[in-house]
Every structure is written in C-alpha cells, then in structure tokens.
Amino acid sequence: MKIEIPLCEKYALSIEEAAAYFHIGENKLRLIVQEDMDADYVLWNGNRALIKRKKFEEYLDKEHAV
C-alpha cells in the first residue's frame, strides 16, 4: 500500500515536485541548486537534490522581496 502525501504537506520535494509546486521550470530549479549546492533549502540524498519546501519558500520570499 502506497501512501500519497499532498505536496503542501511534504518536508522535501523532488525537483519535479518542486517545479510543479512552485511553478518554476525543472531546468531553472536545477540551475538554482547548482549555483549554491550547500544552501539550507537543499537536502542531498546521495547525488539527488531534494528541495526543503518551507526553506525554499523563505528563500524565494527573501530573494524577490521589493
């Protein structure tokens, strides 16, 4: 039995899930991760980057604040 957790309740999202959730292209997300691989919103599972949803929301709010 596979449990489906809504994206808005997940702690970390795959690049594909984050692209859908944040309405940002997968290539753009991969570029953002590559530019700062040690960012606090990136969680590494081996060589696979996961996006910490709340931390990335904070990053976006801070980066694009007027």
Protein backbone atom coordinates (compact mmCIF):
# COMPACT_ATOMS: atom_id res chain seq x y z
CA MET A 1 0.00 0.00 0.00
CA LYS A 2 1.47 3.33 -1.10
CA ILE A 3 0.59 6.43 0.90
CA GLU A 4 0.14 9.63 -1.09
CA ILE A 5 1.10 12.79 0.80
CA PRO A 6 -0.03 16.13 -0.66
CA LEU A 7 2.86 18.32 -1.86
CA CYS A 8 1.87 21.08 0.57
CA GLU A 9 2.48 18.70 3.50
CA LYS A 10 5.81 17.21 2.39
CA TYR A 11 9.04 18.29 4.09
CA ALA A 12 11.18 17.84 0.97
CA LEU A 13 10.25 17.78 -2.69
CA SER A 14 11.98 16.24 -5.67
CA ILE A 15 12.98 18.64 -8.43
CA GLU A 16 9.94 17.52 -10.43
CA GLU A 17 7.57 18.02 -7.48
CA ALA A 18 9.10 21.39 -6.62
CA ALA A 19 8.71 22.54 -10.22
CA ALA A 20 5.00 21.73 -10.09
CA TYR A 21 4.52 23.20 -6.61
CA PHE A 22 6.39 26.48 -7.18
CA HIS A 23 5.54 26.86 -10.90
CA ILE A 24 9.24 27.07 -11.76
CA GLY A 25 10.76 25.04 -14.57
CA GLU A 26 12.82 21.97 -13.70
CA ASN A 27 15.86 23.34 -15.54
CA LYS A 28 15.65 26.63 -13.61
CA LEU A 29 15.43 24.73 -10.30
CA ARG A 30 18.43 22.59 -11.22
CA LEU A 31 20.35 25.77 -12.07
CA ILE A 32 19.41 27.36 -8.72
CA VAL A 33 20.60 24.24 -6.87
CA GLN A 34 23.86 24.08 -8.89
CA GLU A 35 24.64 27.72 -8.10
CA ASP A 36 24.54 27.04 -4.33
CA MET A 37 24.78 23.32 -3.62
CA ASP A 38 25.23 23.95 0.13
CA ALA A 39 22.13 26.13 0.50
CA ASP A 40 19.98 25.41 3.53
CA TYR A 41 16.98 24.62 1.28
CA VAL A 42 18.79 21.72 -0.46
CA LEU A 43 18.82 18.24 1.04
CA TRP A 44 21.09 15.73 -0.66
CA ASN A 45 20.09 12.08 -0.86
CA GLY A 46 23.23 10.66 -2.44
CA ASN A 47 23.61 12.66 -5.64
CA ARG A 48 19.90 13.53 -5.80
CA ALA A 49 18.89 17.01 -4.68
CA LEU A 50 15.66 17.45 -2.76
CA ILE A 51 14.15 20.86 -2.06
CA LYS A 52 13.13 21.63 1.52
CA ARG A 53 9.73 23.17 0.84
CA LYS A 54 9.48 25.71 3.69
CA LYS A 55 13.13 26.79 3.44
CA PHE A 56 12.79 27.29 -0.32
CA GLU A 57 9.62 29.33 0.22
CA GLU A 58 11.61 31.55 2.61
CA TYR A 59 14.43 31.81 0.06
CA LEU A 60 12.01 32.87 -2.68
CA ASP A 61 10.35 35.42 -0.40
CA LYS A 62 13.72 36.89 0.57
CA GLU A 63 15.20 36.87 -2.95
CA HIS A 64 12.21 38.51 -4.56
CA ALA A 65 11.21 40.96 -1.84
CA VAL A 66 10.88 44.55 -3.01
